[in-house]
PDB file of N, CA and C in Angstrom:
ATOM      1  N   MET A   1      13.122   0.077   7.319  1.00  0.00           N
ATOM      2  CA  MET A   1      13.144  -1.365   7.254  1.00  0.00           C
ATOM      3  C   MET A   1      12.157  -1.816   6.178  1.00  0.00           C
ATOM      4  N   PRO A   2      12.612  -2.602   5.204  1.00  0.00           N
ATOM      5  CA  PRO A   2      11.753  -2.983   4.094  1.00  0.00           C
ATOM      6  C   PRO A   2      10.579  -3.860   4.493  1.00  0.00           C
ATOM      7  N   SER A   3      10.680  -4.616   5.575  1.00  0.00           N
ATOM      8  CA  SER A   3       9.601  -5.529   5.917  1.00  0.00           C
ATOM      9  C   SER A   3       8.455  -4.845   6.661  1.00  0.00           C
ATOM     10  N   SER A   4       8.631  -3.599   7.005  1.00  0.00           N
ATOM     11  CA  SER A   4       7.592  -2.886   7.731  1.00  0.00           C
ATOM     12  C   SER A   4       6.513  -2.383   6.779  1.00  0.00           C
ATOM     13  N   CYS A   5       5.284  -2.430   7.218  1.00  0.00           N
ATOM     14  CA  CYS A   5       4.153  -1.973   6.403  1.00  0.00           C
ATOM     15  C   CYS A   5       3.659  -0.604   6.849  1.00  0.00           C
ATOM     16  N   LYS A   6       4.416   0.075   7.699  1.00  0.00           N
ATOM     17  CA  LYS A   6       3.907   1.323   8.266  1.00  0.00           C
ATOM     18  C   LYS A   6       3.762   2.433   7.232  1.00  0.00           C
ATOM     19  N   ASP A   7       4.635   2.469   6.225  1.00  0.00           N
ATOM     20  CA  ASP A   7       4.534   3.523   5.211  1.00  0.00           C
ATOM     21  C   ASP A   7       3.274   3.377   4.366  1.00  0.00           C
ATOM     22  N   ILE A   8       3.007   2.161   3.936  1.00  0.00           N
ATOM     23  CA  ILE A   8       1.820   1.946   3.107  1.00  0.00           C
ATOM     24  C   ILE A   8       0.549   2.093   3.940  1.00  0.00           C
ATOM     25  N   ARG A   9       0.638   1.760   5.229  1.00  0.00           N
ATOM     26  CA  ARG A   9      -0.516   1.936   6.119  1.00  0.00           C
ATOM     27  C   ARG A   9      -0.840   3.418   6.291  1.00  0.00           C
ATOM     28  N   ALA A  10       0.202   4.229   6.451  1.00  0.00           N
ATOM     29  CA  ALA A  10      -0.002   5.674   6.591  1.00  0.00           C
ATOM     30  C   ALA A  10      -0.567   6.272   5.306  1.00  0.00           C
ATOM     31  N   ALA A  11      -0.091   5.791   4.162  1.00  0.00           N
ATOM     32  CA  ALA A  11      -0.603   6.285   2.880  1.00  0.00           C
ATOM     33  C   ALA A  11      -2.065   5.892   2.696  1.00  0.00           C
ATOM     34  N   LEU A  12      -2.423   4.681   3.120  1.00  0.00           N
ATOM     35  CA  LEU A  12      -3.814   4.234   3.032  1.00  0.00           C
ATOM     36  C   LEU A  12      -4.701   5.068   3.947  1.00  0.00           C
ATOM     37  N   ALA A  13      -4.238   5.342   5.158  1.00  0.00           N
ATOM     38  CA  ALA A  13      -5.023   6.154   6.090  1.00  0.00           C
ATOM     39  C   ALA A  13      -5.241   7.560   5.542  1.00  0.00           C
ATOM     40  N   GLN A  14      -4.206   8.134   4.946  1.00  0.00           N
ATOM     41  CA  GLN A  14      -4.323   9.471   4.359  1.00  0.00           C
ATOM     42  C   GLN A  14      -5.300   9.465   3.184  1.00  0.00           C
ATOM     43  N   CYS A  15      -5.209   8.456   2.350  1.00  0.00           N
ATOM     44  CA  CYS A  15      -6.099   8.355   1.195  1.00  0.00           C
ATOM     45  C   CYS A  15      -7.550   8.192   1.648  1.00  0.00           C
ATOM     46  N   LEU A  16      -7.763   7.365   2.669  1.00  0.00           N
ATOM     47  CA  LEU A  16      -9.124   7.174   3.182  1.00  0.00           C
ATOM     48  C   LEU A  16      -9.671   8.460   3.784  1.00  0.00           C
ATOM     49  N   ALA A  17      -8.820   9.198   4.500  1.00  0.00           N
ATOM     50  CA  ALA A  17      -9.268  10.442   5.127  1.00  0.00           C
ATOM     51  C   ALA A  17      -9.708  11.469   4.094  1.00  0.00           C
ATOM     52  N   GLU A  18      -9.104  11.422   2.912  1.00  0.00           N
ATOM     53  CA  GLU A  18      -9.443  12.374   1.857  1.00  0.00           C
ATOM     54  C   GLU A  18     -10.533  11.867   0.920  1.00  0.00           C
ATOM     55  N   SER A  19     -10.985  10.628   1.120  1.00  0.00           N
ATOM     56  CA  SER A  19     -11.967  10.045   0.202  1.00  0.00           C
ATOM     57  C   SER A  19     -13.372  10.588   0.478  1.00  0.00           C
ATOM     58  N   GLU A  20     -14.195  10.510  -0.534  1.00  0.00           N
ATOM     59  CA  GLU A  20     -15.574  10.994  -0.440  1.00  0.00           C
ATOM     60  C   GLU A  20     -16.375  10.167   0.568  1.00  0.00           C
ATOM     61  N   CYS A  21     -16.044   8.900   0.697  1.00  0.00           N
ATOM     62  CA  CYS A  21     -16.760   8.013   1.620  1.00  0.00           C
ATOM     63  C   CYS A  21     -16.622   8.495   3.066  1.00  0.00           C
ATOM     64  N   VAL A  22     -15.407   8.824   3.479  1.00  0.00           N
ATOM     65  CA  VAL A  22     -15.170   9.285   4.854  1.00  0.00           C
ATOM     66  C   VAL A  22     -15.698  10.700   5.040  1.00  0.00           C
ATOM     67  N   LEU A  23     -15.527  11.525   4.018  1.00  0.00           N
ATOM     68  CA  LEU A  23     -15.997  12.907   4.123  1.00  0.00           C
ATOM     69  C   LEU A  23     -17.518  12.996   4.213  1.00  0.00           C
ATOM     70  N   SER A  24     -18.214  11.955   3.743  1.00  0.00           N
ATOM     71  CA  SER A  24     -19.672  11.961   3.832  1.00  0.00           C
ATOM     72  C   SER A  24     -20.177  11.432   5.174  1.00  0.00           C
ATOM     73  N   GLY A  25     -19.266  11.081   6.095  1.00  0.00           N
ATOM     74  CA  GLY A  25     -19.673  10.715   7.447  1.00  0.00           C
ATOM     75  C   GLY A  25     -19.497   9.257   7.811  1.00  0.00           C
ATOM     76  N   ASN A  26     -18.998   8.429   6.905  1.00  0.00           N
ATOM     77  CA  ASN A  26     -18.770   7.016   7.214  1.00  0.00           C
ATOM     78  C   ASN A  26     -17.434   6.839   7.923  1.00  0.00           C
ATOM     79  N   LYS A  27     -17.322   5.763   8.696  1.00  0.00           N
ATOM     80  CA  LYS A  27     -16.063   5.448   9.357  1.00  0.00           C
ATOM     81  C   LYS A  27     -15.108   4.831   8.337  1.00  0.00           C
ATOM     82  N   PRO A  28     -13.805   5.082   8.483  1.00  0.00           N
ATOM     83  CA  PRO A  28     -12.848   4.475   7.550  1.00  0.00           C
ATOM     84  C   PRO A  28     -12.931   2.949   7.527  1.00  0.00           C
ATOM     85  N   SER A  29     -13.201   2.340   8.673  1.00  0.00           N
ATOM     86  CA  SER A  29     -13.306   0.881   8.703  1.00  0.00           C
ATOM     87  C   SER A  29     -14.501   0.385   7.899  1.00  0.00           C
ATOM     88  N   ASP A  30     -15.560   1.191   7.825  1.00  0.00           N
ATOM     89  CA  ASP A  30     -16.708   0.823   6.996  1.00  0.00           C
ATOM     90  C   ASP A  30     -16.407   1.033   5.520  1.00  0.00           C
ATOM     91  N   CYS A  31     -15.602   2.041   5.221  1.00  0.00           N
ATOM     92  CA  CYS A  31     -15.309   2.375   3.824  1.00  0.00           C
ATOM     93  C   CYS A  31     -14.421   1.342   3.141  1.00  0.00           C
ATOM     94  N   ILE A  32     -13.634   0.583   3.907  1.00  0.00           N
ATOM     95  CA  ILE A  32     -12.772  -0.404   3.262  1.00  0.00           C
ATOM     96  C   ILE A  32     -13.456  -1.756   3.105  1.00  0.00           C
ATOM     97  N   ARG A  33     -14.685  -1.874   3.560  1.00  0.00           N
ATOM     98  CA  ARG A  33     -15.453  -3.114   3.394  1.00  0.00           C
ATOM     99  C   ARG A  33     -16.508  -2.933   2.312  1.00  0.00           C
ATOM    100  N   LEU A  34     -16.906  -4.063   1.727  1.00  0.00           N
ATOM    101  CA  LEU A  34     -17.990  -4.026   0.736  1.00  0.00           C
ATOM    102  C   LEU A  34     -19.266  -3.593   1.413  1.00  0.00           C
ATOM    103  N   PRO A  35     -20.161  -2.918   0.812  1.00  0.00           N
ATOM    104  CA  PRO A  35     -20.199  -2.440  -0.574  1.00  0.00           C
ATOM    105  C   PRO A  35     -19.552  -1.071  -0.739  1.00  0.00           C
ATOM    106  N   LEU A  36     -19.145  -0.421   0.359  1.00  0.00           N
ATOM    107  CA  LEU A  36     -18.594   0.930   0.258  1.00  0.00           C
ATOM    108  C   LEU A  36     -17.196   0.964  -0.353  1.00  0.00           C
ATOM    109  N   SER A  37     -16.482  -0.149  -0.325  1.00  0.00           N
ATOM    110  CA  SER A  37     -15.121  -0.141  -0.875  1.00  0.00           C
ATOM    111  C   SER A  37     -15.122   0.089  -2.383  1.00  0.00           C
ATOM    112  N   ASP A  38     -16.229  -0.194  -3.038  1.00  0.00           N
ATOM    113  CA  ASP A  38     -16.321   0.048  -4.481  1.00  0.00           C
ATOM    114  C   ASP A  38     -16.396   1.533  -4.801  1.00  0.00           C
ATOM    115  N   THR A  39     -16.751   2.363  -3.817  1.00  0.00           N
ATOM    116  CA  THR A  39     -16.861   3.802  -4.055  1.00  0.00           C
ATOM    117  C   THR A  39     -15.541   4.533  -3.821  1.00  0.00           C
ATOM    118  N   LEU A  40     -14.528   3.825  -3.312  1.00  0.00           N
ATOM    119  CA  LEU A  40     -13.230   4.450  -3.047  1.00  0.00           C
ATOM    120  C   LEU A  40     -12.506   4.757  -4.353  1.00  0.00           C
ATOM    121  N   PRO A  41     -11.652   5.784  -4.342  1.00  0.00           N
ATOM    122  CA  PRO A  41     -10.830   6.053  -5.527  1.00  0.00           C
ATOM    123  C   PRO A  41      -9.905   4.866  -5.826  1.00  0.00           C
ATOM    124  N   ILE A  42      -9.482   4.762  -7.065  1.00  0.00           N
ATOM    125  CA  ILE A  42      -8.621   3.654  -7.485  1.00  0.00           C
ATOM    126  C   ILE A  42      -7.340   3.613  -6.653  1.00  0.00           C
ATOM    127  N   ARG A  43      -6.779   4.764  -6.343  1.00  0.00           N
ATOM    128  CA  ARG A  43      -5.544   4.812  -5.547  1.00  0.00           C
ATOM    129  C   ARG A  43      -5.748   4.163  -4.183  1.00  0.00           C
ATOM    130  N   CYS A  44      -6.871   4.447  -3.529  1.00  0.00           N
ATOM    131  CA  CYS A  44      -7.146   3.846  -2.218  1.00  0.00           C
ATOM    132  C   CYS A  44      -7.341   2.337  -2.343  1.00  0.00           C
ATOM    133  N   GLN A  45      -7.991   1.910  -3.403  1.00  0.00           N
ATOM    134  CA  GLN A  45      -8.190   0.474  -3.605  1.00  0.00           C
ATOM    135  C   GLN A  45      -6.852  -0.226  -3.826  1.00  0.00           C
ATOM    136  N   GLN A  46      -5.952   0.419  -4.560  1.00  0.00           N
ATOM    137  CA  GLN A  46      -4.627  -0.159  -4.787  1.00  0.00           C
ATOM    138  C   GLN A  46      -3.814  -0.191  -3.498  1.00  0.00           C
ATOM    139  N   LEU A  47      -3.908   0.861  -2.697  1.00  0.00           N
ATOM    140  CA  LEU A  47      -3.199   0.883  -1.418  1.00  0.00           C
ATOM    141  C   LEU A  47      -3.746  -0.177  -0.470  1.00  0.00           C
ATOM    142  N   LYS A  48      -5.046  -0.386  -0.486  1.00  0.00           N
ATOM    143  CA  LYS A  48      -5.663  -1.415   0.354  1.00  0.00           C
ATOM    144  C   LYS A  48      -5.142  -2.792  -0.033  1.00  0.00           C
ATOM    145  N   LYS A  49      -5.071  -3.064  -1.329  1.00  0.00           N
ATOM    146  CA  LYS A  49      -4.553  -4.346  -1.798  1.00  0.00           C
ATOM    147  C   LYS A  49      -3.070  -4.482  -1.452  1.00  0.00           C
ATOM    148  N   GLY A  50      -2.314  -3.415  -1.647  1.00  0.00           N
ATOM    149  CA  GLY A  50      -0.889  -3.447  -1.324  1.00  0.00           C
ATOM    150  C   GLY A  50      -0.631  -3.659   0.160  1.00  0.00           C
ATOM    151  N   TYR A  51      -1.460  -3.045   0.995  1.00  0.00           N
ATOM    152  CA  TYR A  51      -1.312  -3.223   2.441  1.00  0.00           C
ATOM    153  C   TYR A  51      -1.626  -4.666   2.835  1.00  0.00           C
ATOM    154  N   GLY A  52      -2.661  -5.226   2.242  1.00  0.00           N
ATOM    155  CA  GLY A  52      -2.990  -6.631   2.511  1.00  0.00           C
ATOM    156  C   GLY A  52      -1.868  -7.561   2.080  1.00  0.00           C
ATOM    157  N   ASP A  53      -1.294  -7.294   0.907  1.00  0.00           N
ATOM    158  CA  ASP A  53      -0.174  -8.107   0.429  1.00  0.00           C
ATOM    159  C   ASP A  53       1.041  -7.964   1.340  1.00  0.00           C
ATOM    160  N   CYS A  54       1.276  -6.766   1.830  1.00  0.00           N
ATOM    161  CA  CYS A  54       2.400  -6.520   2.731  1.00  0.00           C
ATOM    162  C   CYS A  54       2.226  -7.295   4.040  1.00  0.00           C
ATOM    163  N   LYS A  55       1.043  -7.221   4.614  1.00  0.00           N
ATOM    164  CA  LYS A  55       0.788  -7.936   5.870  1.00  0.00           C
ATOM    165  C   LYS A  55       0.881  -9.451   5.664  1.00  0.00           C
ATOM    166  N   ARG A  56       0.376  -9.923   4.531  1.00  0.00           N
ATOM    167  CA  ARG A  56       0.449 -11.346   4.220  1.00  0.00           C
ATOM    168  C   ARG A  56       1.909 -11.772   4.046  1.00  0.00           C
ATOM    169  N   GLY A  57       2.707 -10.901   3.437  1.00  0.00           N
ATOM    170  CA  GLY A  57       4.117 -11.208   3.228  1.00  0.00           C
ATOM    171  C   GLY A  57       4.912 -11.291   4.515  1.00  0.00           C
ATOM    172  N   MET A  58       4.440 -10.640   5.560  1.00  0.00           N
ATOM    173  CA  MET A  58       5.154 -10.678   6.838  1.00  0.00           C
ATOM    174  C   MET A  58       5.091 -12.056   7.487  1.00  0.00           C
ATOM    175  N   ILE A  59       4.064 -12.834   7.160  1.00  0.00           N
ATOM    176  CA  ILE A  59       3.951 -14.161   7.767  1.00  0.00           C
ATOM    177  C   ILE A  59       4.210 -15.276   6.763  1.00  0.00           C
ATOM    178  N   ASP A  60       4.525 -14.911   5.526  1.00  0.00           N
ATOM    179  CA  ASP A  60       4.827 -15.893   4.493  1.00  0.00           C
ATOM    180  C   ASP A  60       6.214 -16.469   4.764  1.00  0.00           C
ATOM    181  N   MET A  61       6.284 -17.770   4.927  1.00  0.00           N
ATOM    182  CA  MET A  61       7.550 -18.414   5.263  1.00  0.00           C
ATOM    183  C   MET A  61       8.607 -18.238   4.177  1.00  0.00           C
ATOM    184  N   ARG A  62       8.194 -18.081   2.933  1.00  0.00           N
ATOM    185  CA  ARG A  62       9.160 -17.899   1.852  1.00  0.00           C
ATOM    186  C   ARG A  62       9.822 -16.532   1.926  1.00  0.00           C
ATOM    187  N   LYS A  63       9.184 -15.582   2.593  1.00  0.00           N
ATOM    188  CA  LYS A  63       9.722 -14.223   2.671  1.00  0.00           C
ATOM    189  C   LYS A  63      10.230 -13.872   4.067  1.00  0.00           C
ATOM    190  N   ARG A  64      10.237 -14.817   4.974  1.00  0.00           N
ATOM    191  CA  ARG A  64      10.609 -14.516   6.357  1.00  0.00           C
ATOM    192  C   ARG A  64      12.032 -13.988   6.477  1.00  0.00           C
ATOM    193  N   PHE A  65      12.957 -14.582   5.742  1.00  0.00           N
ATOM    194  CA  PHE A  65      14.352 -14.173   5.868  1.00  0.00           C
ATOM    195  C   PHE A  65      14.680 -12.984   4.982  1.00  0.00           C
ATOM    196  N   ARG A  66      14.098 -12.937   3.800  1.00  0.00           N
ATOM    197  CA  ARG A  66      14.380 -11.833   2.883  1.00  0.00           C
ATOM    198  C   ARG A  66      13.564 -10.604   3.216  1.00  0.00           C
ATOM    199  N   GLY A  67      12.385 -10.785   3.751  1.00  0.00           N
ATOM    200  CA  GLY A  67      11.501  -9.664   4.053  1.00  0.00           C
ATOM    201  C   GLY A  67      10.702  -9.245   2.831  1.00  0.00           C
ATOM    202  N   ASN A  68       9.738  -8.378   3.045  1.00  0.00           N
ATOM    203  CA  ASN A  68       8.943  -7.843   1.946  1.00  0.00           C
ATOM    204  C   ASN A  68       9.798  -6.929   1.092  1.00  0.00           C
ATOM    205  N   LYS A  69       9.382  -6.740  -0.136  1.00  0.00           N
ATOM    206  CA  LYS A  69      10.045  -5.769  -0.996  1.00  0.00           C
ATOM    207  C   LYS A  69       9.736  -4.381  -0.463  1.00  0.00           C
ATOM    208  N   PRO A  70      10.667  -3.453  -0.589  1.00  0.00           N
ATOM    209  CA  PRO A  70      10.377  -2.082  -0.155  1.00  0.00           C
ATOM    210  C   PRO A  70       9.223  -1.494  -0.958  1.00  0.00           C
ATOM    211  N   VAL A  71       8.389  -0.737  -0.302  1.00  0.00           N
ATOM    212  CA  VAL A  71       7.238  -0.128  -0.948  1.00  0.00           C
ATOM    213  C   VAL A  71       7.696   1.132  -1.658  1.00  0.00           C
ATOM    214  N   GLN A  72       7.328   1.245  -2.924  1.00  0.00           N
ATOM    215  CA  GLN A  72       7.653   2.445  -3.680  1.00  0.00           C
ATOM    216  C   GLN A  72       6.368   3.198  -3.920  1.00  0.00           C
ATOM    217  N   MET A  73       6.274   4.368  -3.330  1.00  0.00           N
ATOM    218  CA  MET A  73       5.088   5.190  -3.521  1.00  0.00           C
ATOM    219  C   MET A  73       5.507   6.443  -4.259  1.00  0.00           C
ATOM    220  N   GLY A  74       5.178   6.478  -5.509  1.00  0.00           N
ATOM    221  CA  GLY A  74       5.493   7.639  -6.321  1.00  0.00           C
ATOM    222  C   GLY A  74       4.206   8.190  -6.890  1.00  0.00           C
ATOM    223  N   THR A  75       4.355   8.995  -7.901  1.00  0.00           N
ATOM    224  CA  THR A  75       3.163   9.532  -8.545  1.00  0.00           C
ATOM    225  C   THR A  75       2.596   8.477  -9.466  1.00  0.00           C
ATOM    226  N   GLU A  76       1.304   8.428  -9.527  1.00  0.00           N
ATOM    227  CA  GLU A  76       0.663   7.442 -10.389  1.00  0.00           C
ATOM    228  C   GLU A  76       0.506   8.024 -11.791  1.00  0.00           C
ATOM    229  N   PRO A  77       0.621   7.179 -12.808  1.00  0.00           N
ATOM    230  CA  PRO A  77       0.459   7.685 -14.172  1.00  0.00           C
ATOM    231  C   PRO A  77      -0.981   8.097 -14.434  1.00  0.00           C
ATOM    232  N   GLU A  78      -1.120   9.134 -15.205  1.00  0.00           N
ATOM    233  CA  GLU A  78      -2.468   9.629 -15.492  1.00  0.00           C
ATOM    234  C   GLU A  78      -2.889   9.271 -16.880  1.00  0.00           C
TER     235      GLU A  78
END
């Protein structure tokens, strides 16, 4: 279902679990807040923004009938 944010949420959780912030002993919920969010890899920061946009789109009246765009998670350019 395109309006679901579960795929991007799972990708964000996986990215956070592999990040240096979590591996150094911090909780994932602490790592996504300032000032620790600046230490996250760019991919995790992009997933965090995408997840926020997805959740916001679920309650946006302009997108209620059409739904969110499907999330495309591919390889990032290097």
